[in-house]
Amino acid sequence: MPIQRLHTNERMSQIVVHQGTVYLAGQVGDDMSAGIEQQTRETLAHIERLLGEAGTDVRHILSVTIYLKDIDADFEGMNAVWDQWLPAGVAPARATLQAKLCEPEILVELSVVAALPA
């Protein structure tokens, strides 16, 4: 089965689809001056859009890795937005960790793996 790559540049693809699985590159929000809640909302909106483009949706997310700049300061705020966004009964496997992100203004980055609907 071929590998499909979308929004590709010389370093990465935003979406990779292979054998019924969708892989998204790490996603961040647009407004880097915003707080954790707004950055999380924007990041989740990007994820929804990319999943839709790949032919799936949030209900088919298998795994999420969440990177926070400051886990002590931002874990609660990020989770408040996450909990409102995620439909009941479809919680993916998830890991959350503190990380030094590529830009100092980025507070949260999410990397997602999802299934295509059967």
N, C-alpha and C. Protein backbone atom coordinates (compact mmCIF):
# COMPACT_ATOMS: atom_id res chain seq x y z
N MET A 1 0.84 -1.17 0.00
CA MET A 1 0.00 0.00 0.00
C MET A 1 0.90 1.25 0.00
N PRO A 2 0.61 2.21 -0.84
CA PRO A 2 1.46 3.40 -0.93
C PRO A 2 1.31 4.30 0.31
N ILE A 3 2.30 5.11 0.54
CA ILE A 3 2.29 6.10 1.61
C ILE A 3 1.84 7.42 1.00
N GLN A 4 0.84 8.03 1.61
CA GLN A 4 0.34 9.33 1.15
C GLN A 4 0.88 10.41 2.10
N ARG A 5 1.48 11.46 1.52
CA ARG A 5 2.03 12.56 2.31
C ARG A 5 1.38 13.86 1.84
N LEU A 6 0.88 14.64 2.81
CA LEU A 6 0.21 15.89 2.49
C LEU A 6 0.90 17.05 3.20
N HIS A 7 0.89 18.21 2.53
CA HIS A 7 1.53 19.41 3.07
C HIS A 7 2.99 19.12 3.41
N THR A 8 3.71 18.70 2.39
CA THR A 8 5.09 18.27 2.55
C THR A 8 6.06 19.37 2.12
N ASN A 9 7.11 19.54 2.89
CA ASN A 9 8.22 20.40 2.48
C ASN A 9 9.51 19.59 2.59
N GLU A 10 10.64 20.25 2.54
CA GLU A 10 11.91 19.52 2.52
C GLU A 10 12.20 18.81 3.83
N ARG A 11 11.53 19.20 4.93
CA ARG A 11 11.81 18.60 6.23
C ARG A 11 10.75 17.63 6.73
N MET A 12 9.51 17.90 6.37
CA MET A 12 8.44 17.13 7.01
C MET A 12 7.14 17.20 6.22
N SER A 13 6.23 16.31 6.59
CA SER A 13 4.86 16.33 6.09
C SER A 13 3.95 16.60 7.27
N GLN A 14 2.91 17.40 7.06
CA GLN A 14 1.95 17.64 8.13
C GLN A 14 1.06 16.42 8.36
N ILE A 15 0.81 15.66 7.29
CA ILE A 15 -0.03 14.46 7.36
C ILE A 15 0.66 13.34 6.60
N VAL A 16 0.71 12.16 7.21
CA VAL A 16 1.16 10.95 6.52
C VAL A 16 0.10 9.88 6.77
N VAL A 17 -0.35 9.25 5.68
CA VAL A 17 -1.36 8.20 5.78
C VAL A 17 -0.76 6.93 5.22
N HIS A 18 -0.87 5.85 6.02
CA HIS A 18 -0.34 4.56 5.58
C HIS A 18 -1.12 3.44 6.25
N GLN A 19 -1.59 2.51 5.46
CA GLN A 19 -2.29 1.32 5.93
C GLN A 19 -3.37 1.63 6.96
N GLY A 20 -4.20 2.61 6.66
CA GLY A 20 -5.33 2.92 7.52
C GLY A 20 -5.01 3.74 8.74
N THR A 21 -3.79 4.23 8.84
CA THR A 21 -3.39 5.03 9.99
C THR A 21 -2.94 6.41 9.51
N VAL A 22 -3.34 7.43 10.26
CA VAL A 22 -3.01 8.82 9.96
C VAL A 22 -2.05 9.33 11.03
N TYR A 23 -0.94 9.88 10.59
CA TYR A 23 0.05 10.46 11.49
C TYR A 23 0.11 11.96 11.23
N LEU A 24 -0.05 12.75 12.28
CA LEU A 24 0.08 14.19 12.14
C LEU A 24 1.39 14.65 12.75
N ALA A 25 2.03 15.60 12.09
CA ALA A 25 3.20 16.24 12.67
C ALA A 25 2.76 17.01 13.91
N GLY A 26 3.70 17.36 14.75
CA GLY A 26 3.38 18.15 15.93
C GLY A 26 2.68 19.44 15.53
N GLN A 27 1.58 19.74 16.20
CA GLN A 27 0.78 20.92 15.88
C GLN A 27 0.83 21.92 17.02
N VAL A 28 0.86 23.20 16.65
CA VAL A 28 0.85 24.29 17.62
C VAL A 28 -0.21 25.30 17.18
N GLY A 29 -0.52 26.23 18.05
CA GLY A 29 -1.48 27.28 17.74
C GLY A 29 -0.86 28.36 16.87
N ASP A 30 -1.66 29.36 16.56
CA ASP A 30 -1.21 30.47 15.72
C ASP A 30 -0.73 31.67 16.54
N ASP A 31 -1.43 31.99 17.63
CA ASP A 31 -1.15 33.18 18.41
C ASP A 31 -0.20 32.82 19.55
N MET A 32 1.07 33.02 19.32
CA MET A 32 2.07 32.66 20.32
C MET A 32 2.10 33.61 21.51
N SER A 33 1.36 34.71 21.43
CA SER A 33 1.27 35.61 22.58
C SER A 33 0.13 35.21 23.51
N ALA A 34 -0.68 34.26 23.09
CA ALA A 34 -1.84 33.82 23.88
C ALA A 34 -1.41 32.91 25.02
N GLY A 35 -2.31 32.74 25.97
CA GLY A 35 -2.08 31.83 27.09
C GLY A 35 -2.31 30.39 26.70
N ILE A 36 -2.16 29.51 27.67
CA ILE A 36 -2.24 28.07 27.41
C ILE A 36 -3.60 27.65 26.87
N GLU A 37 -4.68 28.22 27.40
CA GLU A 37 -6.01 27.81 26.94
C GLU A 37 -6.21 28.14 25.46
N GLN A 38 -5.88 29.35 25.07
CA GLN A 38 -6.06 29.76 23.67
C GLN A 38 -5.12 28.99 22.75
N GLN A 39 -3.87 28.83 23.14
CA GLN A 39 -2.96 28.03 22.30
C GLN A 39 -3.46 26.60 22.16
N THR A 40 -4.01 26.03 23.22
CA THR A 40 -4.54 24.68 23.14
C THR A 40 -5.74 24.63 22.20
N ARG A 41 -6.67 25.59 22.32
CA ARG A 41 -7.83 25.62 21.42
C ARG A 41 -7.40 25.71 19.96
N GLU A 42 -6.45 26.58 19.66
CA GLU A 42 -5.98 26.74 18.28
C GLU A 42 -5.30 25.47 17.79
N THR A 43 -4.53 24.84 18.64
CA THR A 43 -3.84 23.60 18.27
C THR A 43 -4.86 22.49 17.96
N LEU A 44 -5.86 22.36 18.80
CA LEU A 44 -6.89 21.34 18.58
C LEU A 44 -7.68 21.63 17.31
N ALA A 45 -7.90 22.89 16.99
CA ALA A 45 -8.58 23.24 15.74
C ALA A 45 -7.75 22.81 14.53
N HIS A 46 -6.43 23.00 14.60
CA HIS A 46 -5.55 22.55 13.51
C HIS A 46 -5.64 21.03 13.36
N ILE A 47 -5.65 20.33 14.49
CA ILE A 47 -5.73 18.87 14.46
C ILE A 47 -7.04 18.42 13.82
N GLU A 48 -8.14 19.03 14.20
CA GLU A 48 -9.44 18.69 13.60
C GLU A 48 -9.42 18.89 12.09
N ARG A 49 -8.87 20.02 11.65
CA ARG A 49 -8.82 20.32 10.22
C ARG A 49 -7.97 19.29 9.47
N LEU A 50 -6.80 18.98 10.00
CA LEU A 50 -5.91 18.03 9.33
C LEU A 50 -6.50 16.62 9.32
N LEU A 51 -7.11 16.22 10.42
CA LEU A 51 -7.76 14.90 10.45
C LEU A 51 -8.86 14.83 9.41
N GLY A 52 -9.66 15.89 9.30
CA GLY A 52 -10.71 15.93 8.30
C GLY A 52 -10.16 15.83 6.89
N GLU A 53 -9.06 16.52 6.64
CA GLU A 53 -8.43 16.47 5.33
C GLU A 53 -7.94 15.06 5.01
N ALA A 54 -7.51 14.34 6.04
CA ALA A 54 -7.02 12.97 5.85
C ALA A 54 -8.15 11.95 5.78
N GLY A 55 -9.40 12.37 6.06
CA GLY A 55 -10.52 11.45 5.97
C GLY A 55 -10.94 10.83 7.28
N THR A 56 -10.56 11.43 8.40
CA THR A 56 -10.93 10.89 9.70
C THR A 56 -11.34 12.04 10.61
N ASP A 57 -11.50 11.76 11.90
CA ASP A 57 -11.90 12.80 12.84
C ASP A 57 -11.43 12.46 14.24
N VAL A 58 -11.75 13.34 15.18
CA VAL A 58 -11.28 13.22 16.56
C VAL A 58 -11.73 11.91 17.21
N ARG A 59 -12.87 11.36 16.79
CA ARG A 59 -13.36 10.11 17.37
C ARG A 59 -12.48 8.91 17.02
N HIS A 60 -11.58 9.09 16.05
CA HIS A 60 -10.71 8.00 15.62
C HIS A 60 -9.25 8.18 16.06
N ILE A 61 -9.01 9.13 16.97
CA ILE A 61 -7.64 9.32 17.46
C ILE A 61 -7.26 8.12 18.31
N LEU A 62 -6.09 7.57 18.01
CA LEU A 62 -5.56 6.42 18.75
C LEU A 62 -4.63 6.84 19.87
N SER A 63 -3.77 7.81 19.57
CA SER A 63 -2.72 8.19 20.50
C SER A 63 -2.38 9.67 20.33
N VAL A 64 -2.09 10.32 21.45
CA VAL A 64 -1.67 11.72 21.45
C VAL A 64 -0.48 11.87 22.39
N THR A 65 0.54 12.59 21.93
CA THR A 65 1.62 13.01 22.81
C THR A 65 1.52 14.52 22.93
N ILE A 66 1.43 14.98 24.17
CA ILE A 66 1.29 16.41 24.46
C ILE A 66 2.58 16.90 25.09
N TYR A 67 3.15 17.93 24.47
CA TYR A 67 4.37 18.55 24.96
C TYR A 67 4.01 19.91 25.55
N LEU A 68 4.34 20.12 26.80
CA LEU A 68 4.08 21.40 27.46
C LEU A 68 5.40 22.07 27.81
N LYS A 69 5.48 23.37 27.60
CA LYS A 69 6.67 24.13 27.96
C LYS A 69 6.88 24.07 29.48
N ASP A 70 5.79 24.21 30.23
CA ASP A 70 5.86 24.20 31.69
C ASP A 70 4.71 23.37 32.22
N ILE A 71 4.96 22.11 32.52
CA ILE A 71 3.90 21.20 32.91
C ILE A 71 3.25 21.64 34.22
N ASP A 72 4.02 22.21 35.14
CA ASP A 72 3.45 22.65 36.41
C ASP A 72 2.47 23.80 36.21
N ALA A 73 2.81 24.75 35.36
CA ALA A 73 1.98 25.93 35.15
C ALA A 73 0.81 25.67 34.20
N ASP A 74 0.98 24.76 33.23
CA ASP A 74 0.03 24.68 32.12
C ASP A 74 -0.79 23.40 32.01
N PHE A 75 -0.49 22.40 32.79
CA PHE A 75 -1.19 21.12 32.69
C PHE A 75 -2.69 21.28 32.93
N GLU A 76 -3.06 21.99 33.97
CA GLU A 76 -4.47 22.16 34.31
C GLU A 76 -5.23 22.94 33.24
N GLY A 77 -4.66 24.04 32.76
CA GLY A 77 -5.31 24.85 31.73
C GLY A 77 -5.46 24.10 30.42
N MET A 78 -4.43 23.37 30.02
CA MET A 78 -4.51 22.57 28.80
C MET A 78 -5.58 21.51 28.94
N ASN A 79 -5.62 20.81 30.08
CA ASN A 79 -6.62 19.77 30.30
C ASN A 79 -8.04 20.32 30.31
N ALA A 80 -8.25 21.52 30.81
CA ALA A 80 -9.59 22.12 30.82
C ALA A 80 -10.11 22.25 29.39
N VAL A 81 -9.26 22.68 28.48
CA VAL A 81 -9.66 22.81 27.07
C VAL A 81 -9.80 21.42 26.44
N TRP A 82 -8.84 20.55 26.68
CA TRP A 82 -8.87 19.18 26.15
C TRP A 82 -10.17 18.48 26.54
N ASP A 83 -10.54 18.57 27.83
CA ASP A 83 -11.73 17.88 28.33
C ASP A 83 -13.01 18.37 27.67
N GLN A 84 -13.08 19.64 27.32
CA GLN A 84 -14.25 20.18 26.62
C GLN A 84 -14.27 19.75 25.16
N TRP A 85 -13.09 19.57 24.57
CA TRP A 85 -12.96 19.26 23.14
C TRP A 85 -13.23 17.79 22.84
N LEU A 86 -12.76 16.89 23.68
CA LEU A 86 -12.80 15.46 23.40
C LEU A 86 -14.19 14.89 23.68
N PRO A 87 -14.81 14.25 22.68
CA PRO A 87 -16.12 13.64 22.92
C PRO A 87 -16.01 12.52 23.96
N ALA A 88 -17.07 12.34 24.72
CA ALA A 88 -17.10 11.29 25.74
C ALA A 88 -16.94 9.92 25.10
N GLY A 89 -16.19 9.05 25.77
CA GLY A 89 -16.07 7.67 25.34
C GLY A 89 -15.03 7.38 24.28
N VAL A 90 -14.25 8.39 23.86
CA VAL A 90 -13.26 8.14 22.80
C VAL A 90 -11.85 8.58 23.22
N ALA A 91 -11.58 8.57 24.51
CA ALA A 91 -10.26 9.00 24.98
C ALA A 91 -9.15 8.14 24.39
N PRO A 92 -8.16 8.77 23.75
CA PRO A 92 -7.04 8.00 23.18
C PRO A 92 -6.00 7.66 24.24
N ALA A 93 -5.07 6.80 23.87
CA ALA A 93 -3.87 6.65 24.69
C ALA A 93 -3.17 8.01 24.66
N ARG A 94 -2.58 8.42 25.79
CA ARG A 94 -2.04 9.77 25.85
C ARG A 94 -0.84 9.82 26.77
N ALA A 95 0.13 10.61 26.37
CA ALA A 95 1.28 10.92 27.22
C ALA A 95 1.44 12.44 27.23
N THR A 96 1.75 12.99 28.39
CA THR A 96 1.99 14.42 28.52
C THR A 96 3.33 14.60 29.20
N LEU A 97 4.16 15.44 28.60
CA LEU A 97 5.47 15.68 29.17
C LEU A 97 5.90 17.12 28.99
N GLN A 98 6.85 17.52 29.79
CA GLN A 98 7.43 18.85 29.67
C GLN A 98 8.58 18.77 28.67
N ALA A 99 8.66 19.78 27.81
CA ALA A 99 9.70 19.76 26.78
C ALA A 99 10.13 21.18 26.44
N LYS A 100 11.36 21.30 26.02
CA LYS A 100 11.83 22.57 25.46
C LYS A 100 11.38 22.56 24.00
N LEU A 101 10.45 23.46 23.66
CA LEU A 101 9.87 23.48 22.32
C LEU A 101 10.69 24.38 21.41
N CYS A 102 10.42 24.33 20.11
CA CYS A 102 11.28 24.97 19.12
C CYS A 102 11.27 26.50 19.18
N GLU A 103 10.23 27.09 19.74
CA GLU A 103 10.15 28.54 19.91
C GLU A 103 9.77 28.81 21.37
N PRO A 104 10.39 29.78 22.01
CA PRO A 104 10.10 30.00 23.43
C PRO A 104 8.67 30.43 23.74
N GLU A 105 7.95 30.97 22.75
CA GLU A 105 6.57 31.42 22.96
C GLU A 105 5.57 30.27 22.90
N ILE A 106 5.95 29.13 22.35
CA ILE A 106 5.05 28.00 22.23
C ILE A 106 4.89 27.35 23.60
N LEU A 107 3.64 27.24 24.05
CA LEU A 107 3.35 26.64 25.34
C LEU A 107 2.92 25.19 25.24
N VAL A 108 2.37 24.79 24.07
CA VAL A 108 1.86 23.43 23.91
C VAL A 108 2.02 22.99 22.46
N GLU A 109 2.36 21.71 22.28
CA GLU A 109 2.43 21.08 20.97
C GLU A 109 1.86 19.69 21.10
N LEU A 110 1.06 19.26 20.12
CA LEU A 110 0.46 17.94 20.16
C LEU A 110 0.83 17.16 18.91
N SER A 111 1.15 15.89 19.10
CA SER A 111 1.40 14.97 18.01
C SER A 111 0.35 13.86 18.09
N VAL A 112 -0.29 13.56 16.95
CA VAL A 112 -1.47 12.71 16.92
C VAL A 112 -1.31 11.55 15.94
N VAL A 113 -1.82 10.39 16.35
CA VAL A 113 -1.96 9.23 15.47
C VAL A 113 -3.44 8.83 15.51
N ALA A 114 -4.04 8.67 14.35
CA ALA A 114 -5.46 8.33 14.27
C ALA A 114 -5.69 7.23 13.24
N ALA A 115 -6.82 6.58 13.36
CA ALA A 115 -7.23 5.55 12.40
C ALA A 115 -8.17 6.17 11.37
N LEU A 116 -8.15 5.63 10.16
CA LEU A 116 -9.17 5.97 9.18
C LEU A 116 -10.42 5.16 9.53
N PRO A 117 -11.61 5.71 9.32
CA PRO A 117 -12.83 4.95 9.58
C PRO A 117 -12.86 3.68 8.72
N ALA A 118 -13.42 2.64 9.28
CA ALA A 118 -13.51 1.36 8.56
C ALA A 118 -14.51 1.45 7.43
